[in-house]
N, C-alpha and C. Protein backbone atom coordinates (compact mmCIF):
# COMPACT_ATOMS: atom_id res chain seq x y z
N MET A 1 -22.16 -170.87 -47.24
CA MET A 1 -23.23 -171.01 -46.28
C MET A 1 -22.69 -171.53 -44.96
N THR A 2 -23.31 -171.11 -43.93
CA THR A 2 -22.90 -171.61 -42.62
C THR A 2 -23.55 -172.95 -42.35
N GLN A 3 -23.08 -173.61 -41.35
CA GLN A 3 -23.64 -174.92 -40.98
C GLN A 3 -25.10 -174.78 -40.54
N TYR A 4 -25.42 -173.67 -39.88
CA TYR A 4 -26.80 -173.43 -39.45
C TYR A 4 -27.74 -173.33 -40.64
N ASN A 5 -27.32 -172.61 -41.67
CA ASN A 5 -28.15 -172.48 -42.87
C ASN A 5 -28.36 -173.83 -43.56
N LEU A 6 -27.33 -174.64 -43.62
CA LEU A 6 -27.46 -175.96 -44.24
C LEU A 6 -28.42 -176.84 -43.46
N GLU A 7 -28.36 -176.79 -42.14
CA GLU A 7 -29.28 -177.58 -41.32
C GLU A 7 -30.73 -177.12 -41.51
N GLU A 8 -30.93 -175.81 -41.58
CA GLU A 8 -32.27 -175.29 -41.80
C GLU A 8 -32.81 -175.72 -43.16
N LEU A 9 -31.98 -175.69 -44.18
CA LEU A 9 -32.42 -176.13 -45.51
C LEU A 9 -32.74 -177.62 -45.53
N ARG A 10 -31.97 -178.42 -44.81
CA ARG A 10 -32.26 -179.85 -44.74
C ARG A 10 -33.60 -180.11 -44.06
N LEU A 11 -33.89 -179.38 -42.99
CA LEU A 11 -35.17 -179.54 -42.31
C LEU A 11 -36.33 -179.11 -43.21
N LEU A 12 -36.16 -178.00 -43.90
CA LEU A 12 -37.19 -177.53 -44.82
C LEU A 12 -37.41 -178.52 -45.96
N ASN A 13 -36.34 -179.09 -46.48
CA ASN A 13 -36.47 -180.08 -47.55
C ASN A 13 -37.17 -181.34 -47.07
N GLN A 14 -36.95 -181.74 -45.83
CA GLN A 14 -37.64 -182.92 -45.30
C GLN A 14 -39.14 -182.69 -45.24
N VAL A 15 -39.54 -181.51 -44.78
CA VAL A 15 -40.97 -181.20 -44.68
C VAL A 15 -41.59 -181.09 -46.07
N LEU A 16 -40.92 -180.42 -46.98
CA LEU A 16 -41.48 -180.25 -48.32
C LEU A 16 -41.54 -181.57 -49.08
N LEU A 17 -40.55 -182.44 -48.90
CA LEU A 17 -40.59 -183.74 -49.55
C LEU A 17 -41.78 -184.56 -49.06
N ALA A 18 -42.02 -184.54 -47.76
CA ALA A 18 -43.17 -185.26 -47.23
C ALA A 18 -44.48 -184.68 -47.76
N LEU A 19 -44.57 -183.37 -47.83
CA LEU A 19 -45.78 -182.72 -48.34
C LEU A 19 -46.03 -183.10 -49.79
N PHE A 20 -45.01 -183.00 -50.63
CA PHE A 20 -45.19 -183.30 -52.04
C PHE A 20 -45.48 -184.77 -52.30
N MET A 21 -44.85 -185.64 -51.55
CA MET A 21 -45.12 -187.07 -51.73
C MET A 21 -46.56 -187.41 -51.38
N VAL A 22 -47.04 -186.93 -50.27
CA VAL A 22 -48.41 -187.22 -49.84
C VAL A 22 -49.41 -186.53 -50.75
N ALA A 23 -49.16 -185.29 -51.12
CA ALA A 23 -50.10 -184.56 -51.98
C ALA A 23 -50.22 -185.21 -53.35
N ASP A 24 -49.11 -185.64 -53.92
CA ASP A 24 -49.16 -186.30 -55.23
C ASP A 24 -49.88 -187.64 -55.16
N PHE A 25 -49.61 -188.41 -54.13
CA PHE A 25 -50.28 -189.71 -54.01
C PHE A 25 -51.76 -189.54 -53.73
N ALA A 26 -52.13 -188.53 -52.93
CA ALA A 26 -53.55 -188.27 -52.65
C ALA A 26 -54.27 -187.83 -53.91
N LEU A 27 -53.62 -187.00 -54.71
CA LEU A 27 -54.24 -186.56 -55.96
C LEU A 27 -54.40 -187.72 -56.93
N LEU A 28 -53.41 -188.59 -57.00
CA LEU A 28 -53.52 -189.78 -57.85
C LEU A 28 -54.68 -190.67 -57.40
N LEU A 29 -54.80 -190.89 -56.11
CA LEU A 29 -55.91 -191.70 -55.60
C LEU A 29 -57.25 -191.04 -55.86
N PHE A 30 -57.29 -189.73 -55.77
CA PHE A 30 -58.54 -189.00 -56.00
C PHE A 30 -58.99 -189.09 -57.45
N PHE A 31 -58.05 -189.00 -58.39
CA PHE A 31 -58.41 -189.03 -59.80
C PHE A 31 -58.76 -190.43 -60.30
N TYR A 32 -58.13 -191.46 -59.76
CA TYR A 32 -58.33 -192.81 -60.30
C TYR A 32 -59.31 -193.66 -59.53
N ASN A 33 -59.90 -193.15 -58.46
CA ASN A 33 -60.89 -193.91 -57.69
C ASN A 33 -62.09 -193.01 -57.43
N SER A 34 -63.30 -193.55 -57.66
CA SER A 34 -64.48 -192.71 -57.45
C SER A 34 -64.77 -192.49 -55.96
N PRO A 35 -64.85 -193.50 -55.11
CA PRO A 35 -64.83 -193.17 -53.67
C PRO A 35 -63.38 -193.09 -53.22
N PHE A 36 -63.04 -192.04 -52.53
CA PHE A 36 -61.64 -191.84 -52.16
C PHE A 36 -61.20 -192.91 -51.16
N PRO A 37 -60.12 -193.63 -51.45
CA PRO A 37 -59.63 -194.69 -50.56
C PRO A 37 -58.78 -194.12 -49.42
N TRP A 38 -59.44 -193.64 -48.39
CA TRP A 38 -58.73 -192.99 -47.29
C TRP A 38 -57.80 -193.96 -46.57
N PHE A 39 -58.20 -195.22 -46.50
CA PHE A 39 -57.37 -196.20 -45.81
C PHE A 39 -56.05 -196.43 -46.54
N SER A 40 -56.06 -196.37 -47.86
CA SER A 40 -54.82 -196.52 -48.63
C SER A 40 -53.87 -195.36 -48.39
N LEU A 41 -54.40 -194.16 -48.32
CA LEU A 41 -53.54 -193.00 -48.08
C LEU A 41 -52.94 -193.04 -46.68
N LEU A 42 -53.74 -193.33 -45.68
CA LEU A 42 -53.21 -193.42 -44.32
C LEU A 42 -52.25 -194.60 -44.17
N GLY A 43 -52.59 -195.72 -44.77
CA GLY A 43 -51.73 -196.90 -44.68
C GLY A 43 -50.39 -196.70 -45.35
N SER A 44 -50.38 -196.03 -46.49
CA SER A 44 -49.11 -195.78 -47.16
C SER A 44 -48.25 -194.80 -46.37
N GLY A 45 -48.87 -193.80 -45.77
CA GLY A 45 -48.11 -192.87 -44.94
C GLY A 45 -47.51 -193.54 -43.72
N ILE A 46 -48.30 -194.36 -43.05
CA ILE A 46 -47.80 -195.08 -41.87
C ILE A 46 -46.73 -196.09 -42.27
N GLY A 47 -46.95 -196.80 -43.36
CA GLY A 47 -45.98 -197.79 -43.82
C GLY A 47 -44.65 -197.16 -44.20
N LEU A 48 -44.70 -196.05 -44.93
CA LEU A 48 -43.46 -195.37 -45.30
C LEU A 48 -42.75 -194.81 -44.08
N ALA A 49 -43.52 -194.33 -43.11
CA ALA A 49 -42.91 -193.82 -41.87
C ALA A 49 -42.20 -194.94 -41.12
N ILE A 50 -42.79 -196.11 -41.08
CA ILE A 50 -42.16 -197.25 -40.41
C ILE A 50 -40.89 -197.67 -41.14
N ILE A 51 -40.93 -197.69 -42.46
CA ILE A 51 -39.76 -198.08 -43.24
C ILE A 51 -38.61 -197.09 -43.03
N VAL A 52 -38.91 -195.80 -43.09
CA VAL A 52 -37.86 -194.79 -42.91
C VAL A 52 -37.32 -194.84 -41.49
N PHE A 53 -38.19 -195.05 -40.51
CA PHE A 53 -37.72 -195.14 -39.13
C PHE A 53 -36.82 -196.35 -38.92
N CYS A 54 -37.15 -197.48 -39.54
CA CYS A 54 -36.31 -198.67 -39.39
C CYS A 54 -34.97 -198.50 -40.10
N TRP A 55 -34.94 -197.82 -41.23
CA TRP A 55 -33.69 -197.62 -41.95
C TRP A 55 -32.80 -196.57 -41.32
N ALA A 56 -33.38 -195.42 -40.98
CA ALA A 56 -32.56 -194.29 -40.57
C ALA A 56 -32.64 -193.98 -39.08
N GLY A 57 -33.58 -194.55 -38.39
CA GLY A 57 -33.70 -194.27 -36.96
C GLY A 57 -34.28 -192.88 -36.73
N ARG A 58 -33.75 -192.19 -35.76
CA ARG A 58 -34.27 -190.89 -35.37
C ARG A 58 -33.67 -189.74 -36.18
N LYS A 59 -32.89 -190.05 -37.20
CA LYS A 59 -32.25 -189.01 -37.98
C LYS A 59 -33.27 -188.18 -38.76
N TYR A 60 -34.30 -188.81 -39.27
CA TYR A 60 -35.32 -188.13 -40.08
C TYR A 60 -36.66 -188.06 -39.35
N THR A 61 -36.63 -187.66 -38.10
CA THR A 61 -37.85 -187.59 -37.30
C THR A 61 -38.82 -186.55 -37.85
N LEU A 62 -38.31 -185.43 -38.32
CA LEU A 62 -39.18 -184.40 -38.87
C LEU A 62 -39.87 -184.88 -40.13
N PHE A 63 -39.18 -185.61 -40.98
CA PHE A 63 -39.79 -186.16 -42.19
C PHE A 63 -40.90 -187.15 -41.82
N ILE A 64 -40.64 -188.00 -40.85
CA ILE A 64 -41.62 -189.00 -40.44
C ILE A 64 -42.85 -188.32 -39.84
N ALA A 65 -42.64 -187.36 -38.98
CA ALA A 65 -43.76 -186.66 -38.34
C ALA A 65 -44.59 -185.89 -39.37
N SER A 66 -43.92 -185.18 -40.27
CA SER A 66 -44.67 -184.42 -41.26
C SER A 66 -45.37 -185.34 -42.26
N LEU A 67 -44.79 -186.49 -42.54
CA LEU A 67 -45.45 -187.46 -43.41
C LEU A 67 -46.76 -187.94 -42.80
N LEU A 68 -46.74 -188.24 -41.52
CA LEU A 68 -47.96 -188.69 -40.85
C LEU A 68 -49.00 -187.58 -40.73
N VAL A 69 -48.55 -186.38 -40.44
CA VAL A 69 -49.48 -185.25 -40.31
C VAL A 69 -50.11 -184.92 -41.66
N PHE A 70 -49.32 -184.86 -42.71
CA PHE A 70 -49.86 -184.54 -44.02
C PHE A 70 -50.77 -185.65 -44.54
N SER A 71 -50.50 -186.90 -44.19
CA SER A 71 -51.39 -187.99 -44.58
C SER A 71 -52.75 -187.83 -43.92
N ALA A 72 -52.75 -187.48 -42.65
CA ALA A 72 -54.02 -187.27 -41.94
C ALA A 72 -54.76 -186.06 -42.49
N ILE A 73 -54.04 -184.99 -42.76
CA ILE A 73 -54.69 -183.78 -43.28
C ILE A 73 -55.28 -184.01 -44.66
N HIS A 74 -54.54 -184.66 -45.55
CA HIS A 74 -55.07 -184.91 -46.89
C HIS A 74 -56.22 -185.91 -46.86
N THR A 75 -56.22 -186.84 -45.94
CA THR A 75 -57.35 -187.75 -45.80
C THR A 75 -58.60 -186.98 -45.43
N ILE A 76 -58.48 -186.06 -44.50
CA ILE A 76 -59.63 -185.25 -44.09
C ILE A 76 -60.09 -184.34 -45.22
N VAL A 77 -59.15 -183.73 -45.93
CA VAL A 77 -59.51 -182.81 -47.01
C VAL A 77 -60.25 -183.53 -48.13
N TYR A 78 -59.75 -184.67 -48.56
CA TYR A 78 -60.39 -185.37 -49.68
C TYR A 78 -61.65 -186.12 -49.26
N ASN A 79 -61.86 -186.36 -47.99
CA ASN A 79 -63.09 -187.01 -47.52
C ASN A 79 -64.03 -186.05 -46.84
N TRP A 80 -63.83 -184.77 -47.03
CA TRP A 80 -64.63 -183.77 -46.32
C TRP A 80 -66.13 -183.92 -46.63
N SER A 81 -66.48 -184.20 -47.86
CA SER A 81 -67.90 -184.33 -48.21
C SER A 81 -68.50 -185.58 -47.55
N SER A 82 -67.73 -186.62 -47.36
CA SER A 82 -68.24 -187.82 -46.69
C SER A 82 -68.33 -187.62 -45.18
N ILE A 83 -67.44 -186.82 -44.64
CA ILE A 83 -67.44 -186.57 -43.19
C ILE A 83 -68.61 -185.66 -42.81
N VAL A 84 -68.87 -184.62 -43.60
CA VAL A 84 -69.91 -183.65 -43.26
C VAL A 84 -71.30 -184.23 -43.46
N HIS A 85 -71.50 -184.97 -44.51
CA HIS A 85 -72.86 -185.48 -44.79
C HIS A 85 -73.08 -186.80 -44.16
């Protein structure tokens, strides 16, 4: 593989890792709590983003950004019935 291909795979893995981490935690919160705790999902996403940023700096910016975006999206998706009504 060329260096370009390896870099592209690393970027894709960062995005997919953030998606799977947030999706699994959101599903766990959805199944074990009757009102969905949106603040816990957003807080964990922000907290993990701060921790990764402090440890690695700007090296994993795509992971941090996708983690925050997916946390916001999953919060909206799981609270859609509360937002609409």
